[in-house]
Protein backbone atom coordinates (compact mmCIF):
# COMPACT_ATOMS: atom_id res chain seq x y z
CA MET A 1 0.25 0.13 -0.15
CA PRO A 2 1.67 2.95 -1.08
CA LEU A 3 2.33 5.85 1.66
CA ASN A 4 0.29 8.75 1.75
CA LEU A 5 3.01 11.07 2.19
CA SER A 6 1.17 14.52 2.14
CA LYS A 7 -1.50 13.28 4.02
CA GLY A 8 1.00 12.07 7.08
CA LEU A 9 2.93 15.58 6.85
CA THR A 10 -0.23 17.20 7.02
CA ASP A 11 -1.09 15.05 10.17
CA ILE A 12 2.60 16.18 11.71
CA ARG A 13 2.00 19.81 11.44
CA GLY A 14 -1.47 19.79 12.66
CA GLN A 15 0.36 17.98 15.91
CA VAL A 16 2.32 21.13 16.52
CA SER A 17 2.74 24.52 17.25
CA PRO A 18 2.12 26.74 14.19
CA ASN A 19 5.08 28.95 15.58
CA SER A 20 7.04 25.68 16.17
CA ILE A 21 7.04 24.98 12.26
CA THR A 22 10.22 26.40 10.05
CA ASN A 23 12.03 26.52 7.04
CA SER A 24 15.57 25.46 8.34
CA CYS A 25 17.51 22.84 10.24
CA SER A 26 20.01 25.54 10.98
CA GLY A 27 20.47 27.24 14.58
CA GLU A 28 23.01 27.02 17.45
CA GLY A 29 26.04 28.42 15.41
CA CYS A 30 25.58 25.90 13.14
CA THR A 31 24.40 25.72 9.27
CA VAL A 32 22.62 22.55 7.75
CA HIS A 33 21.95 22.91 3.77
CA LEU A 34 18.67 21.86 2.64
CA ASP A 35 20.02 21.54 -0.79
CA ASP A 36 18.69 18.04 -2.87
CA ILE A 37 16.14 16.94 0.59
CA PRO A 38 12.86 16.70 -0.56
CA THR A 39 10.93 19.79 -0.59
CA GLU A 40 7.75 17.82 0.75
CA ARG A 41 8.87 18.38 4.27
CA VAL A 42 8.10 19.49 7.65
CA ILE A 43 10.94 20.84 9.62
CA ILE A 44 10.10 21.61 13.61
CA ASN A 45 12.09 23.67 15.85
CA VAL A 46 12.06 21.38 18.95
CA GLU A 47 12.93 23.85 21.72
CA LYS A 48 10.13 26.03 21.06
CA GLU A 49 7.79 22.99 20.59
CA PHE A 50 9.00 21.77 24.05
CA ASP A 51 8.34 25.46 25.19
CA ALA A 52 5.17 25.63 23.76
CA ARG A 53 4.36 22.42 25.42
CA GLY A 54 5.65 23.20 28.71
CA GLU A 55 8.02 20.18 28.85
CA SER A 56 11.11 20.79 29.74
CA GLY A 57 14.10 18.18 30.02
CA LYS A 58 17.00 17.41 27.50
CA ARG A 59 15.51 17.62 23.36
CA CYS A 60 17.27 17.86 20.05
CA ASP A 61 17.16 21.01 18.21
CA ARG A 62 15.17 20.22 15.15
CA MET A 63 13.16 17.42 13.50
CA LEU A 64 12.89 16.70 10.15
CA PHE A 65 10.25 14.75 8.57
CA TYR A 66 10.12 13.56 5.21
CA GLY A 67 9.38 10.61 2.15
CA ASN A 68 11.62 8.54 0.72
CA THR A 69 9.25 8.07 -2.26
CA VAL A 70 11.72 5.27 -3.87
CA LYS A 71 11.75 2.62 -0.68
CA ASN A 72 8.00 3.85 0.59
CA THR A 73 8.86 4.92 3.75
CA PHE A 74 8.15 8.16 5.63
CA VAL A 75 11.46 9.26 7.39
CA ALA A 76 12.00 11.01 10.78
CA VAL A 77 15.48 12.91 11.50
CA PRO A 78 15.96 14.24 15.09
CA ILE A 79 18.44 16.25 14.26
CA GLU A 80 21.04 17.87 17.35
CA LEU A 81 23.26 20.88 16.08
CA LYS A 82 26.45 21.50 18.07
CA GLY A 83 27.70 25.53 16.60
CA ARG A 84 29.76 26.01 19.72
CA GLY A 85 32.91 23.95 20.90
CA LYS A 86 32.84 19.91 21.13
CA GLY A 87 29.25 18.10 22.01
CA ASP A 88 29.59 16.02 24.57
CA GLU A 89 28.65 12.26 23.92
CA SER A 90 26.21 11.55 26.69
CA ASP A 91 24.28 15.01 26.25
CA VAL A 92 23.93 14.74 22.34
CA LEU A 93 22.74 10.79 22.78
CA GLU A 94 20.29 11.88 25.50
CA GLN A 95 19.04 14.63 23.17
CA LEU A 96 19.04 12.38 20.24
CA LYS A 97 16.42 9.97 22.41
CA SER A 98 14.01 12.59 23.41
CA GLY A 99 14.05 13.78 19.42
CA LEU A 100 13.60 9.60 18.50
CA ALA A 101 10.59 9.51 21.56
CA PHE A 102 8.70 12.87 20.42
CA ALA A 103 9.16 11.84 16.91
CA ALA A 104 7.58 8.36 17.61
CA THR A 105 4.64 10.17 19.36
CA LEU A 106 4.00 12.38 16.04
CA VAL A 107 3.89 9.69 13.83
CA PRO A 108 2.31 6.66 15.68
CA ASN A 109 0.29 5.15 12.71
CA LEU A 110 3.18 5.30 10.62
CA LYS A 111 4.61 1.86 10.57
CA GLU A 112 6.43 2.81 7.33
CA THR A 113 8.65 5.29 10.06
CA VAL A 114 12.38 5.08 9.67
CA TYR A 115 14.41 6.77 12.17
CA VAL A 116 16.80 8.61 11.78
CA PRO A 117 19.16 10.74 14.49
CA ILE A 118 21.96 12.83 13.02
CA VAL A 119 24.57 15.51 15.31
CA PHE A 120 25.71 17.79 13.27
CA THR A 121 28.98 19.57 14.52
CA LYS A 122 31.61 22.50 14.39
CA ASN A 123 34.53 20.89 16.80
CA GLY A 124 33.34 17.29 16.82
CA ILE A 125 31.97 14.99 19.52
CA LYS A 126 34.19 14.97 22.99
CA SER A 127 33.85 11.10 24.77
CA ARG A 128 34.14 10.61 28.41
CA ASN A 129 36.18 7.62 27.53
CA PRO A 130 39.37 8.13 25.42
CA ARG A 131 39.51 5.32 23.88
CA HIS A 132 35.92 6.02 22.32
CA GLN A 133 36.93 9.25 20.89
CA ASN A 134 35.99 8.88 16.96
CA ARG A 135 33.49 5.78 17.24
CA GLU A 136 30.74 5.53 15.29
CA LEU A 137 27.82 6.71 18.16
CA LYS A 138 24.56 4.49 18.49
CA VAL A 139 21.30 4.70 19.87
CA LYS A 140 18.94 1.93 21.13
CA PHE A 141 15.22 3.17 20.10
CA LYS A 142 12.09 0.59 19.97
CA GLY A 143 14.52 -2.67 20.20
CA LYS A 144 17.08 -1.37 17.39
CA THR A 145 20.51 -0.22 17.88
CA LEU A 146 20.74 3.13 15.33
CA THR A 147 24.08 4.15 14.04
CA VAL A 148 24.11 8.25 14.44
CA LEU A 149 25.07 10.04 11.31
CA THR A 150 27.86 12.63 12.29
CA GLY A 151 28.06 15.86 9.74
CA ARG A 152 29.91 19.08 10.18
CA CYS A 153 28.41 22.38 10.24
CA GLY A 154 28.46 24.47 7.18
CA ARG A 155 29.26 22.09 4.91
CA GLU A 156 27.67 22.18 1.48
CA ARG A 157 25.00 19.41 0.98
CA ASN A 158 26.20 18.54 4.65
CA LEU A 159 22.43 17.05 5.03
CA ALA A 160 21.25 15.47 1.82
CA ASN A 161 25.32 14.05 1.61
CA LEU A 162 24.87 12.27 5.14
CA LEU A 163 21.28 10.90 4.36
CA SER A 164 21.79 9.96 0.60
CA THR A 165 25.27 8.06 1.90
CA ALA A 166 23.08 6.18 4.75
CA GLY A 167 20.68 5.17 2.18
CA TYR A 168 17.79 7.42 3.16
CA LEU A 169 17.59 9.57 0.43
């Protein structure tokens, strides 16, 4: 059964504050380019949305939803932005876990949803364990271990390159 992308995106828009909808994944001193990302998409400023809901706690910075029509999947992308200094590994993972949980509340009836956590940094990720420097970050969600895609702020096509290399675009 083909995925109804427009209906899915409309449903998501209806569940969040209009003030939380944005046209950009950039922020926090980090530029994320939307070149070659499907134009039929929803981007949520998660900080604004959590504030509007009166929710506190860890949260990612942006949430991107779009459809992959080739694979007939709905893609939910929690994005953490670390444009200043090095991101702390445990904080980044907590923020992305929170983003994944938030995304799942917005798409509960879409069985074809693929979750792709991403962090963009200017200076990399800082691990508390020196032996873990530069290793892949992983997060557990819904019984699966997801690899966190890591990109650099400001690089051309940074979001599209990550998503297409990983097979989500």
